[in-house]
């Protein structure tokens, strides 16, 4: 039986500080080799969308919040 996937509406489950903590966890996952960079960033972006952070702070701020810790971890900054 095929039924359409029902996805609940996005709700603000966390704030930007909670999101920054999640970014730190994903950086660690990446450094440990548990996920590749693209998967980590994609997961974080989806989380930011679900938590309505992109709407609240804008895409540039969210991208910066994701990018800087990964750049530091990779030695690019």
PDB file of N, CA and C in Angstrom:
ATOM      1  N   UNK A   1       0.836  -1.166   0.000  1.00  0.00           N
ATOM      2  CA  UNK A   1       0.000   0.000   0.000  1.00  0.00           C
ATOM      3  C   UNK A   1       0.889   1.240   0.000  1.00  0.00           C
ATOM      4  N   UNK A   2       0.599   2.136  -0.870  1.00  0.00           N
ATOM      5  CA  UNK A   2       1.337   3.392  -0.929  1.00  0.00           C
ATOM      6  C   UNK A   2       0.458   4.514  -0.408  1.00  0.00           C
ATOM      7  N   UNK A   3       0.980   5.211   0.569  1.00  0.00           N
ATOM      8  CA  UNK A   3       0.266   6.347   1.133  1.00  0.00           C
ATOM      9  C   UNK A   3       1.217   7.534   1.128  1.00  0.00           C
ATOM     10  N   UNK A   4       0.689   8.719   0.925  1.00  0.00           N
ATOM     11  CA  UNK A   4       1.567   9.893   0.928  1.00  0.00           C
ATOM     12  C   UNK A   4       2.218  10.085   2.293  1.00  0.00           C
ATOM     13  N   UNK A   5       3.454  10.491   2.257  1.00  0.00           N
ATOM     14  CA  UNK A   5       4.184  10.782   3.483  1.00  0.00           C
ATOM     15  C   UNK A   5       3.642  12.060   4.102  1.00  0.00           C
ATOM     16  N   UNK A   6       3.328  12.000   5.356  1.00  0.00           N
ATOM     17  CA  UNK A   6       2.834  13.183   6.042  1.00  0.00           C
ATOM     18  C   UNK A   6       3.949  13.730   6.928  1.00  0.00           C
ATOM     19  N   UNK A   7       4.316  14.959   6.672  1.00  0.00           N
ATOM     20  CA  UNK A   7       5.359  15.619   7.443  1.00  0.00           C
ATOM     21  C   UNK A   7       4.704  16.723   8.247  1.00  0.00           C
ATOM     22  N   UNK A   8       5.022  16.736   9.515  1.00  0.00           N
ATOM     23  CA  UNK A   8       4.436  17.776  10.357  1.00  0.00           C
ATOM     24  C   UNK A   8       5.029  19.133   9.995  1.00  0.00           C
ATOM     25  N   UNK A   9       4.306  20.157  10.293  1.00  0.00           N
ATOM     26  CA  UNK A   9       4.758  21.516  10.001  1.00  0.00           C
ATOM     27  C   UNK A   9       5.975  21.853  10.861  1.00  0.00           C
ATOM     28  N   UNK A  10       6.876  22.649  10.319  1.00  0.00           N
ATOM     29  CA  UNK A  10       8.045  23.054  11.106  1.00  0.00           C
ATOM     30  C   UNK A  10       7.629  23.834  12.350  1.00  0.00           C
ATOM     31  N   UNK A  11       8.318  23.561  13.441  1.00  0.00           N
ATOM     32  CA  UNK A  11       8.079  24.305  14.667  1.00  0.00           C
ATOM     33  C   UNK A  11       9.421  24.667  15.291  1.00  0.00           C
ATOM     34  N   UNK A  12       9.440  25.724  16.037  1.00  0.00           N
ATOM     35  CA  UNK A  12      10.669  26.180  16.668  1.00  0.00           C
ATOM     36  C   UNK A  12      10.952  25.309  17.896  1.00  0.00           C
ATOM     37  N   UNK A  13      11.798  24.303  17.735  1.00  0.00           N
ATOM     38  CA  UNK A  13      12.127  23.410  18.839  1.00  0.00           C
ATOM     39  C   UNK A  13      13.376  23.846  19.589  1.00  0.00           C
ATOM     40  N   UNK A  14      14.153  24.693  18.979  1.00  0.00           N
ATOM     41  CA  UNK A  14      15.371  25.154  19.615  1.00  0.00           C
ATOM     42  C   UNK A  14      15.698  26.551  19.138  1.00  0.00           C
ATOM     43  N   UNK A  15      16.624  27.176  19.832  1.00  0.00           N
ATOM     44  CA  UNK A  15      17.039  28.513  19.423  1.00  0.00           C
ATOM     45  C   UNK A  15      18.417  28.437  18.777  1.00  0.00           C
ATOM     46  N   UNK A  16      18.983  29.584  18.459  1.00  0.00           N
ATOM     47  CA  UNK A  16      20.257  29.620  17.745  1.00  0.00           C
ATOM     48  C   UNK A  16      21.378  29.029  18.599  1.00  0.00           C
ATOM     49  N   UNK A  17      21.275  29.156  19.910  1.00  0.00           N
ATOM     50  CA  UNK A  17      22.313  28.603  20.790  1.00  0.00           C
ATOM     51  C   UNK A  17      22.243  27.075  20.821  1.00  0.00           C
ATOM     52  N   UNK A  18      21.043  26.535  20.821  1.00  0.00           N
ATOM     53  CA  UNK A  18      20.889  25.084  20.718  1.00  0.00           C
ATOM     54  C   UNK A  18      21.440  24.597  19.384  1.00  0.00           C
ATOM     55  N   UNK A  19      21.178  25.366  18.339  1.00  0.00           N
ATOM     56  CA  UNK A  19      21.660  25.002  17.007  1.00  0.00           C
ATOM     57  C   UNK A  19      23.187  25.008  16.963  1.00  0.00           C
ATOM     58  N   UNK A  20      23.805  26.012  17.565  1.00  0.00           N
ATOM     59  CA  UNK A  20      25.271  26.062  17.608  1.00  0.00           C
ATOM     60  C   UNK A  20      25.838  24.835  18.318  1.00  0.00           C
ATOM     61  N   UNK A  21      25.164  24.376  19.348  1.00  0.00           N
ATOM     62  CA  UNK A  21      25.586  23.153  20.039  1.00  0.00           C
ATOM     63  C   UNK A  21      25.474  21.946  19.109  1.00  0.00           C
ATOM     64  N   UNK A  22      24.402  21.878  18.351  1.00  0.00           N
ATOM     65  CA  UNK A  22      24.233  20.790  17.381  1.00  0.00           C
ATOM     66  C   UNK A  22      25.328  20.826  16.314  1.00  0.00           C
ATOM     67  N   UNK A  23      25.696  22.025  15.893  1.00  0.00           N
ATOM     68  CA  UNK A  23      26.779  22.159  14.917  1.00  0.00           C
ATOM     69  C   UNK A  23      28.055  21.567  15.496  1.00  0.00           C
ATOM     70  N   UNK A  24      28.346  21.871  16.745  1.00  0.00           N
ATOM     71  CA  UNK A  24      29.525  21.313  17.395  1.00  0.00           C
ATOM     72  C   UNK A  24      29.516  19.799  17.420  1.00  0.00           C
ATOM     73  N   UNK A  25      28.358  19.218  17.672  1.00  0.00           N
ATOM     74  CA  UNK A  25      28.254  17.754  17.661  1.00  0.00           C
ATOM     75  C   UNK A  25      28.520  17.203  16.257  1.00  0.00           C
ATOM     76  N   UNK A  26      27.969  17.861  15.254  1.00  0.00           N
ATOM     77  CA  UNK A  26      28.169  17.395  13.886  1.00  0.00           C
ATOM     78  C   UNK A  26      29.617  17.553  13.437  1.00  0.00           C
ATOM     79  N   UNK A  27      30.280  18.587  13.907  1.00  0.00           N
ATOM     80  CA  UNK A  27      31.720  18.727  13.606  1.00  0.00           C
ATOM     81  C   UNK A  27      32.465  17.533  14.190  1.00  0.00           C
ATOM     82  N   UNK A  28      32.132  17.172  15.406  1.00  0.00           N
ATOM     83  CA  UNK A  28      32.779  16.023  16.040  1.00  0.00           C
ATOM     84  C   UNK A  28      32.485  14.732  15.266  1.00  0.00           C
ATOM     85  N   UNK A  29      31.226  14.548  14.856  1.00  0.00           N
ATOM     86  CA  UNK A  29      30.878  13.370  14.051  1.00  0.00           C
ATOM     87  C   UNK A  29      31.724  13.315  12.782  1.00  0.00           C
ATOM     88  N   UNK A  30      31.889  14.469  12.150  1.00  0.00           N
ATOM     89  CA  UNK A  30      32.686  14.562  10.925  1.00  0.00           C
ATOM     90  C   UNK A  30      34.149  14.228  11.203  1.00  0.00           C
ATOM     91  N   UNK A  31      34.704  14.807  12.251  1.00  0.00           N
ATOM     92  CA  UNK A  31      36.115  14.559  12.564  1.00  0.00           C
ATOM     93  C   UNK A  31      36.372  13.106  12.945  1.00  0.00           C
ATOM     94  N   UNK A  32      35.388  12.458  13.543  1.00  0.00           N
ATOM     95  CA  UNK A  32      35.517  11.047  13.906  1.00  0.00           C
ATOM     96  C   UNK A  32      35.287  10.114  12.713  1.00  0.00           C
ATOM     97  N   UNK A  33      34.858  10.691  11.594  1.00  0.00           N
ATOM     98  CA  UNK A  33      34.614   9.880  10.403  1.00  0.00           C
ATOM     99  C   UNK A  33      33.266   9.189  10.383  1.00  0.00           C
ATOM    100  N   UNK A  34      32.378   9.607  11.259  1.00  0.00           N
ATOM    101  CA  UNK A  34      31.056   8.990  11.316  1.00  0.00           C
ATOM    102  C   UNK A  34      30.162   9.464  10.190  1.00  0.00           C
ATOM    103  N   UNK A  35      30.333  10.713   9.761  1.00  0.00           N
ATOM    104  CA  UNK A  35      29.575  11.256   8.634  1.00  0.00           C
ATOM    105  C   UNK A  35      30.540  12.045   7.760  1.00  0.00           C
ATOM    106  N   UNK A  36      30.207  12.153   6.489  1.00  0.00           N
ATOM    107  CA  UNK A  36      31.038  13.000   5.630  1.00  0.00           C
ATOM    108  C   UNK A  36      30.562  14.440   5.754  1.00  0.00           C
ATOM    109  N   UNK A  37      31.353  15.345   5.233  1.00  0.00           N
ATOM    110  CA  UNK A  37      31.070  16.773   5.377  1.00  0.00           C
ATOM    111  C   UNK A  37      29.708  17.139   4.792  1.00  0.00           C
ATOM    112  N   UNK A  38      29.424  16.634   3.605  1.00  0.00           N
ATOM    113  CA  UNK A  38      28.165  16.984   2.945  1.00  0.00           C
ATOM    114  C   UNK A  38      26.953  16.525   3.749  1.00  0.00           C
ATOM    115  N   UNK A  39      27.021  15.323   4.295  1.00  0.00           N
ATOM    116  CA  UNK A  39      25.914  14.803   5.105  1.00  0.00           C
ATOM    117  C   UNK A  39      25.716  15.648   6.353  1.00  0.00           C
ATOM    118  N   UNK A  40      26.804  16.000   7.016  1.00  0.00           N
ATOM    119  CA  UNK A  40      26.705  16.814   8.229  1.00  0.00           C
ATOM    120  C   UNK A  40      26.068  18.164   7.934  1.00  0.00           C
ATOM    121  N   UNK A  41      26.540  18.815   6.880  1.00  0.00           N
ATOM    122  CA  UNK A  41      26.013  20.139   6.535  1.00  0.00           C
ATOM    123  C   UNK A  41      24.550  20.043   6.106  1.00  0.00           C
ATOM    124  N   UNK A  42      24.216  19.047   5.297  1.00  0.00           N
ATOM    125  CA  UNK A  42      22.817  18.868   4.877  1.00  0.00           C
ATOM    126  C   UNK A  42      21.903  18.635   6.073  1.00  0.00           C
ATOM    127  N   UNK A  43      22.344  17.797   7.001  1.00  0.00           N
ATOM    128  CA  UNK A  43      21.533  17.529   8.191  1.00  0.00           C
ATOM    129  C   UNK A  43      21.329  18.794   9.015  1.00  0.00           C
ATOM    130  N   UNK A  44      22.377  19.577   9.158  1.00  0.00           N
ATOM    131  CA  UNK A  44      22.261  20.817   9.924  1.00  0.00           C
ATOM    132  C   UNK A  44      21.342  21.814   9.236  1.00  0.00           C
ATOM    133  N   UNK A  45      21.438  21.889   7.921  1.00  0.00           N
ATOM    134  CA  UNK A  45      20.562  22.814   7.197  1.00  0.00           C
ATOM    135  C   UNK A  45      19.093  22.424   7.370  1.00  0.00           C
ATOM    136  N   UNK A  46      18.805  21.120   7.259  1.00  0.00           N
ATOM    137  CA  UNK A  46      17.431  20.655   7.456  1.00  0.00           C
ATOM    138  C   UNK A  46      16.948  20.967   8.866  1.00  0.00           C
ATOM    139  N   UNK A  47      17.832  20.782   9.840  1.00  0.00           N
ATOM    140  CA  UNK A  47      17.480  21.095  11.220  1.00  0.00           C
ATOM    141  C   UNK A  47      17.166  22.587  11.377  1.00  0.00           C
ATOM    142  N   UNK A  48      17.988  23.434  10.777  1.00  0.00           N
ATOM    143  CA  UNK A  48      17.760  24.885  10.851  1.00  0.00           C
ATOM    144  C   UNK A  48      16.423  25.257  10.207  1.00  0.00           C
ATOM    145  N   UNK A  49      16.094  24.604   9.122  1.00  0.00           N
ATOM    146  CA  UNK A  49      14.796  24.870   8.486  1.00  0.00           C
ATOM    147  C   UNK A  49      13.651  24.421   9.379  1.00  0.00           C
ATOM    148  N   UNK A  50      13.771  23.227   9.960  1.00  0.00           N
ATOM    149  CA  UNK A  50      12.703  22.703  10.827  1.00  0.00           C
ATOM    150  C   UNK A  50      12.511  23.572  12.062  1.00  0.00           C
ATOM    151  N   UNK A  51      13.611  24.121  12.585  1.00  0.00           N
ATOM    152  CA  UNK A  51      13.532  24.956  13.776  1.00  0.00           C
ATOM    153  C   UNK A  51      13.198  26.401  13.431  1.00  0.00           C
ATOM    154  N   UNK A  52      12.952  26.684  12.165  1.00  0.00           N
ATOM    155  CA  UNK A  52      12.586  28.011  11.684  1.00  0.00           C
ATOM    156  C   UNK A  52      13.702  29.043  11.865  1.00  0.00           C
ATOM    157  N   UNK A  53      14.932  28.588  11.988  1.00  0.00           N
ATOM    158  CA  UNK A  53      16.055  29.500  12.176  1.00  0.00           C
ATOM    159  C   UNK A  53      16.395  30.246  10.896  1.00  0.00           C
ATOM    160  N   UNK A  54      16.187  29.612   9.744  1.00  0.00           N
ATOM    161  CA  UNK A  54      16.448  30.279   8.468  1.00  0.00           C
ATOM    162  C   UNK A  54      15.483  31.446   8.307  1.00  0.00           C
ATOM    163  N   UNK A  55      14.235  31.237   8.678  1.00  0.00           N
ATOM    164  CA  UNK A  55      13.245  32.318   8.604  1.00  0.00           C
ATOM    165  C   UNK A  55      13.571  33.436   9.593  1.00  0.00           C
ATOM    166  N   UNK A  56      14.004  33.064  10.775  1.00  0.00           N
ATOM    167  CA  UNK A  56      14.236  34.053  11.828  1.00  0.00           C
ATOM    168  C   UNK A  56      15.531  34.843  11.634  1.00  0.00           C
ATOM    169  N   UNK A  57      16.613  34.146  11.257  1.00  0.00           N
ATOM    170  CA  UNK A  57      17.923  34.788  11.194  1.00  0.00           C
ATOM    171  C   UNK A  57      18.446  34.997   9.776  1.00  0.00           C
ATOM    172  N   UNK A  58      17.849  34.336   8.813  1.00  0.00           N
ATOM    173  CA  UNK A  58      18.291  34.454   7.436  1.00  0.00           C
ATOM    174  C   UNK A  58      19.296  33.368   7.068  1.00  0.00           C
ATOM    175  N   UNK A  59      19.348  33.071   5.784  1.00  0.00           N
ATOM    176  CA  UNK A  59      20.207  31.998   5.290  1.00  0.00           C
ATOM    177  C   UNK A  59      21.685  32.296   5.527  1.00  0.00           C
ATOM    178  N   UNK A  60      22.100  33.543   5.366  1.00  0.00           N
ATOM    179  CA  UNK A  60      23.515  33.883   5.534  1.00  0.00           C
ATOM    180  C   UNK A  60      23.996  33.601   6.955  1.00  0.00           C
ATOM    181  N   UNK A  61      23.207  33.990   7.934  1.00  0.00           N
ATOM    182  CA  UNK A  61      23.599  33.761   9.341  1.00  0.00           C
ATOM    183  C   UNK A  61      23.674  32.275   9.648  1.00  0.00           C
ATOM    184  N   UNK A  62      22.702  31.509   9.160  1.00  0.00           N
ATOM    185  CA  UNK A  62      22.693  30.073   9.412  1.00  0.00           C
ATOM    186  C   UNK A  62      23.883  29.415   8.714  1.00  0.00           C
ATOM    187  N   UNK A  63      24.144  29.789   7.475  1.00  0.00           N
ATOM    188  CA  UNK A  63      25.289  29.232   6.757  1.00  0.00           C
ATOM    189  C   UNK A  63      26.596  29.565   7.469  1.00  0.00           C
ATOM    190  N   UNK A  64      26.717  30.773   7.970  1.00  0.00           N
ATOM    191  CA  UNK A  64      27.917  31.177   8.700  1.00  0.00           C
ATOM    192  C   UNK A  64      28.063  30.360   9.982  1.00  0.00           C
ATOM    193  N   UNK A  65      26.958  30.153  10.675  1.00  0.00           N
ATOM    194  CA  UNK A  65      26.967  29.374  11.916  1.00  0.00           C
ATOM    195  C   UNK A  65      27.415  27.942  11.660  1.00  0.00           C
ATOM    196  N   UNK A  66      27.074  27.411  10.499  1.00  0.00           N
ATOM    197  CA  UNK A  66      27.493  26.058  10.130  1.00  0.00           C
ATOM    198  C   UNK A  66      28.936  26.053   9.635  1.00  0.00           C
ATOM    199  N   UNK A  67      29.279  26.995   8.773  1.00  0.00           N
ATOM    200  CA  UNK A  67      30.563  26.949   8.051  1.00  0.00           C
ATOM    201  C   UNK A  67      31.781  27.186   8.932  1.00  0.00           C
ATOM    202  N   UNK A  68      31.716  28.151   9.821  1.00  0.00           N
ATOM    203  CA  UNK A  68      32.907  28.538  10.580  1.00  0.00           C
ATOM    204  C   UNK A  68      33.461  27.385  11.441  1.00  0.00           C
ATOM    205  N   UNK A  69      32.650  26.691  12.230  1.00  0.00           N
ATOM    206  CA  UNK A  69      33.216  25.587  13.026  1.00  0.00           C
ATOM    207  C   UNK A  69      33.836  24.475  12.159  1.00  0.00           C
ATOM    208  N   UNK A  70      33.233  24.190  11.004  1.00  0.00           N
ATOM    209  CA  UNK A  70      33.813  23.176  10.125  1.00  0.00           C
ATOM    210  C   UNK A  70      35.124  23.667   9.524  1.00  0.00           C
ATOM    211  N   UNK A  71      35.197  24.948   9.170  1.00  0.00           N
ATOM    212  CA  UNK A  71      36.432  25.515   8.623  1.00  0.00           C
ATOM    213  C   UNK A  71      37.543  25.452   9.666  1.00  0.00           C
ATOM    214  N   UNK A  72      37.223  25.795  10.898  1.00  0.00           N
ATOM    215  CA  UNK A  72      38.217  25.734  11.973  1.00  0.00           C
ATOM    216  C   UNK A  72      38.686  24.300  12.171  1.00  0.00           C
ATOM    217  N   UNK A  73      37.750  23.367  12.212  1.00  0.00           N
ATOM    218  CA  UNK A  73      38.103  21.957  12.426  1.00  0.00           C
ATOM    219  C   UNK A  73      38.965  21.400  11.303  1.00  0.00           C
ATOM    220  N   UNK A  74      38.750  21.885  10.097  1.00  0.00           N
ATOM    221  CA  UNK A  74      39.531  21.414   8.950  1.00  0.00           C
ATOM    222  C   UNK A  74      40.838  22.194   8.781  1.00  0.00           C
ATOM    223  N   UNK A  75      41.062  23.189   9.642  1.00  0.00           N
ATOM    224  CA  UNK A  75      42.280  23.969   9.568  1.00  0.00           C
ATOM    225  C   UNK A  75      42.271  25.031   8.503  1.00  0.00           C
ATOM    226  N   UNK A  76      41.103  25.374   7.994  1.00  0.00           N
ATOM    227  CA  UNK A  76      40.997  26.362   6.927  1.00  0.00           C
ATOM    228  C   UNK A  76      40.980  27.795   7.481  1.00  0.00           C
ATOM    229  N   UNK A  77      40.744  27.953   8.764  1.00  0.00           N
ATOM    230  CA  UNK A  77      40.757  29.297   9.371  1.00  0.00           C
ATOM    231  C   UNK A  77      41.832  29.364  10.428  1.00  0.00           C
TER     232      UNK A  77
END
